[in-house]
N, C-alpha and C. Protein backbone atom coordinates (compact mmCIF):
# COMPACT_ATOMS: atom_id res chain seq x y z
N MET A 1 0.82 -1.18 0.00
CA MET A 1 0.00 0.00 0.00
C MET A 1 0.87 1.26 0.00
N SER A 2 2.02 1.17 0.66
CA SER A 2 2.91 2.34 0.70
C SER A 2 3.43 2.67 -0.70
N VAL A 3 3.78 1.64 -1.48
CA VAL A 3 4.27 1.87 -2.84
C VAL A 3 3.16 2.47 -3.70
N LEU A 4 1.96 1.97 -3.53
CA LEU A 4 0.83 2.50 -4.30
C LEU A 4 0.58 3.97 -3.94
N GLN A 5 0.64 4.31 -2.68
CA GLN A 5 0.45 5.69 -2.26
C GLN A 5 1.56 6.59 -2.80
N ALA A 6 2.78 6.07 -2.83
CA ALA A 6 3.91 6.87 -3.29
C ALA A 6 3.90 7.07 -4.81
N THR A 7 3.55 6.00 -5.56
CA THR A 7 3.63 6.08 -7.02
C THR A 7 2.31 6.43 -7.68
N LYS A 8 1.20 6.13 -7.02
CA LYS A 8 -0.15 6.35 -7.58
C LYS A 8 -0.35 5.56 -8.87
N ASP A 9 0.42 4.46 -9.02
CA ASP A 9 0.35 3.66 -10.24
C ASP A 9 0.32 2.18 -9.87
N LEU A 10 -0.82 1.55 -10.09
CA LEU A 10 -1.00 0.15 -9.76
C LEU A 10 -0.11 -0.75 -10.61
N ARG A 11 0.20 -0.32 -11.82
CA ARG A 11 1.08 -1.11 -12.70
C ARG A 11 2.47 -1.25 -12.10
N LYS A 12 2.98 -0.18 -11.51
CA LYS A 12 4.30 -0.23 -10.89
C LYS A 12 4.30 -1.16 -9.68
N VAL A 13 3.23 -1.11 -8.92
CA VAL A 13 3.11 -2.00 -7.76
C VAL A 13 3.06 -3.45 -8.22
N SER A 14 2.31 -3.71 -9.27
CA SER A 14 2.19 -5.05 -9.82
C SER A 14 3.54 -5.59 -10.28
N LEU A 15 4.30 -4.75 -10.95
CA LEU A 15 5.63 -5.15 -11.40
C LEU A 15 6.57 -5.37 -10.21
N TRP A 16 6.48 -4.48 -9.23
CA TRP A 16 7.35 -4.56 -8.06
C TRP A 16 7.09 -5.84 -7.28
N LEU A 17 5.83 -6.26 -7.20
CA LEU A 17 5.48 -7.48 -6.48
C LEU A 17 5.68 -8.74 -7.32
N GLY A 18 5.91 -8.56 -8.62
CA GLY A 18 6.15 -9.71 -9.49
C GLY A 18 4.88 -10.42 -9.91
N HIS A 19 3.75 -9.72 -9.89
CA HIS A 19 2.49 -10.34 -10.30
C HIS A 19 2.40 -10.40 -11.82
N ALA A 20 1.90 -11.51 -12.32
CA ALA A 20 1.75 -11.68 -13.76
C ALA A 20 0.58 -10.85 -14.30
N HIS A 21 -0.43 -10.64 -13.46
CA HIS A 21 -1.62 -9.91 -13.89
C HIS A 21 -1.95 -8.82 -12.86
N MET A 22 -2.40 -7.69 -13.34
CA MET A 22 -2.77 -6.60 -12.42
C MET A 22 -3.97 -6.96 -11.56
N GLN A 23 -4.80 -7.90 -12.02
CA GLN A 23 -5.97 -8.31 -11.23
C GLN A 23 -5.52 -8.89 -9.89
N THR A 24 -4.39 -9.55 -9.89
CA THR A 24 -3.85 -10.10 -8.64
C THR A 24 -3.51 -8.98 -7.68
N THR A 25 -2.91 -7.93 -8.18
CA THR A 25 -2.54 -6.79 -7.34
C THR A 25 -3.78 -6.07 -6.83
N GLU A 26 -4.81 -5.99 -7.65
CA GLU A 26 -6.04 -5.29 -7.25
C GLU A 26 -6.68 -5.94 -6.04
N ILE A 27 -6.51 -7.24 -5.89
CA ILE A 27 -7.09 -7.93 -4.73
C ILE A 27 -6.58 -7.31 -3.43
N TYR A 28 -5.29 -6.97 -3.40
CA TYR A 28 -4.71 -6.40 -2.19
C TYR A 28 -5.23 -5.00 -1.91
N THR A 29 -5.58 -4.26 -2.94
CA THR A 29 -6.05 -2.89 -2.73
C THR A 29 -7.48 -2.86 -2.21
N ARG A 30 -8.22 -3.95 -2.39
CA ARG A 30 -9.61 -4.00 -1.92
C ARG A 30 -9.73 -4.34 -0.45
N ALA A 31 -8.70 -4.87 0.14
CA ALA A 31 -8.77 -5.30 1.54
C ALA A 31 -8.87 -4.08 2.46
N ASP A 32 -9.70 -4.21 3.46
CA ASP A 32 -9.90 -3.14 4.44
C ASP A 32 -8.70 -3.13 5.39
N PRO A 33 -8.04 -1.99 5.55
CA PRO A 33 -6.85 -1.94 6.41
C PRO A 33 -7.14 -2.38 7.85
N SER A 34 -8.32 -2.11 8.36
CA SER A 34 -8.62 -2.52 9.74
C SER A 34 -8.68 -4.04 9.85
N VAL A 35 -9.15 -4.72 8.79
CA VAL A 35 -9.17 -6.18 8.79
C VAL A 35 -7.74 -6.72 8.77
N LYS A 36 -6.88 -6.07 8.00
CA LYS A 36 -5.48 -6.48 7.97
C LYS A 36 -4.83 -6.34 9.34
N LEU A 37 -5.11 -5.23 10.03
CA LEU A 37 -4.54 -5.02 11.36
C LEU A 37 -5.05 -6.06 12.35
N GLU A 38 -6.34 -6.38 12.27
CA GLU A 38 -6.90 -7.41 13.15
C GLU A 38 -6.21 -8.76 12.92
N ALA A 39 -5.97 -9.09 11.66
CA ALA A 39 -5.32 -10.36 11.33
C ALA A 39 -3.90 -10.38 11.88
N LEU A 40 -3.18 -9.28 11.74
CA LEU A 40 -1.81 -9.22 12.26
C LEU A 40 -1.77 -9.31 13.78
N GLU A 41 -2.73 -8.68 14.44
CA GLU A 41 -2.77 -8.71 15.89
C GLU A 41 -3.16 -10.08 16.42
N ALA A 42 -3.88 -10.87 15.63
CA ALA A 42 -4.33 -12.18 16.05
C ALA A 42 -3.22 -13.23 15.99
N ILE A 43 -2.15 -12.91 15.28
CA ILE A 43 -1.05 -13.86 15.14
C ILE A 43 -0.24 -13.88 16.42
N VAL A 44 -0.03 -15.08 16.93
CA VAL A 44 0.78 -15.25 18.13
C VAL A 44 2.18 -15.66 17.69
N PRO A 45 3.19 -14.88 18.08
CA PRO A 45 4.55 -15.24 17.67
C PRO A 45 4.96 -16.58 18.28
N PRO A 46 5.77 -17.34 17.57
CA PRO A 46 6.19 -18.64 18.10
C PRO A 46 7.09 -18.47 19.32
N ASN A 47 7.03 -19.42 20.20
CA ASN A 47 7.87 -19.41 21.40
C ASN A 47 9.20 -20.06 21.04
N LEU A 48 10.18 -19.24 20.75
CA LEU A 48 11.48 -19.73 20.33
C LEU A 48 12.46 -19.73 21.49
N ARG A 49 13.33 -20.72 21.48
CA ARG A 49 14.37 -20.75 22.50
C ARG A 49 15.46 -19.76 22.11
N SER A 50 16.01 -19.11 23.09
CA SER A 50 17.13 -18.21 22.80
C SER A 50 18.42 -19.01 22.87
N GLY A 51 19.42 -18.54 22.19
CA GLY A 51 20.71 -19.22 22.20
C GLY A 51 21.19 -19.49 20.78
N ARG A 52 22.33 -20.12 20.70
CA ARG A 52 22.94 -20.40 19.40
C ARG A 52 22.60 -21.80 18.95
N PHE A 53 22.55 -21.96 17.65
CA PHE A 53 22.35 -23.27 17.05
C PHE A 53 23.69 -23.99 17.02
N LYS A 54 23.70 -25.25 17.43
CA LYS A 54 24.92 -26.05 17.39
C LYS A 54 24.67 -27.23 16.47
N ALA A 55 25.36 -27.24 15.36
CA ALA A 55 25.20 -28.31 14.39
C ALA A 55 25.84 -29.59 14.91
N THR A 56 25.18 -30.71 14.67
CA THR A 56 25.72 -32.00 15.08
C THR A 56 26.81 -32.43 14.10
N ASP A 57 27.65 -33.37 14.53
CA ASP A 57 28.71 -33.89 13.66
C ASP A 57 28.11 -34.55 12.42
N GLU A 58 26.97 -35.22 12.61
CA GLU A 58 26.31 -35.89 11.48
C GLU A 58 25.85 -34.88 10.43
N LEU A 59 25.33 -33.74 10.88
CA LEU A 59 24.91 -32.70 9.94
C LEU A 59 26.10 -32.13 9.19
N ILE A 60 27.17 -31.85 9.89
CA ILE A 60 28.38 -31.32 9.25
C ILE A 60 28.92 -32.31 8.23
N ALA A 61 28.93 -33.59 8.59
CA ALA A 61 29.43 -34.61 7.67
C ALA A 61 28.57 -34.69 6.42
N SER A 62 27.27 -34.49 6.56
CA SER A 62 26.38 -34.56 5.40
C SER A 62 26.57 -33.40 4.44
N LEU A 63 27.19 -32.34 4.90
CA LEU A 63 27.41 -31.16 4.06
C LEU A 63 28.72 -31.22 3.28
N ARG A 64 29.54 -32.18 3.57
CA ARG A 64 30.82 -32.29 2.87
C ARG A 64 30.59 -32.70 1.42
N PRO A 65 31.43 -32.23 0.50
CA PRO A 65 31.27 -32.60 -0.92
C PRO A 65 31.30 -34.11 -1.10
N GLY A 66 30.42 -34.60 -1.93
CA GLY A 66 30.37 -36.02 -2.23
C GLY A 66 29.53 -36.82 -1.26
N SER A 67 29.11 -36.23 -0.15
CA SER A 67 28.36 -37.00 0.83
C SER A 67 26.98 -37.39 0.31
N LEU A 68 26.39 -36.57 -0.54
CA LEU A 68 25.08 -36.92 -1.09
C LEU A 68 25.20 -38.07 -2.07
N MET A 69 26.27 -38.09 -2.85
CA MET A 69 26.45 -39.17 -3.82
C MET A 69 26.70 -40.49 -3.10
N GLN A 70 27.39 -40.46 -1.98
CA GLN A 70 27.67 -41.68 -1.24
C GLN A 70 26.41 -42.26 -0.63
N ARG A 71 25.47 -41.41 -0.21
CA ARG A 71 24.24 -41.88 0.39
C ARG A 71 23.36 -42.61 -0.59
N LYS A 72 23.34 -42.16 -1.84
CA LYS A 72 22.46 -42.74 -2.85
C LYS A 72 22.84 -44.17 -3.20
N LYS A 73 24.11 -44.52 -3.02
CA LYS A 73 24.59 -45.85 -3.39
C LYS A 73 24.12 -46.92 -2.45
């Protein structure tokens, strides 16, 4: 919506979003902003653990060159 307000051109927004047809972009312009805000507020963020990811030795070994070819055999 910000791009549309800035450019006043739905074609530019459609190209920027990568839509094949402008009708796809028009769907977004019809949505009521208050409904969008309600939907965003209803989303509960996931409960993620804090800390660093530690890759296992098995994962590291699977990333080495040729490891995928060896598995297929």
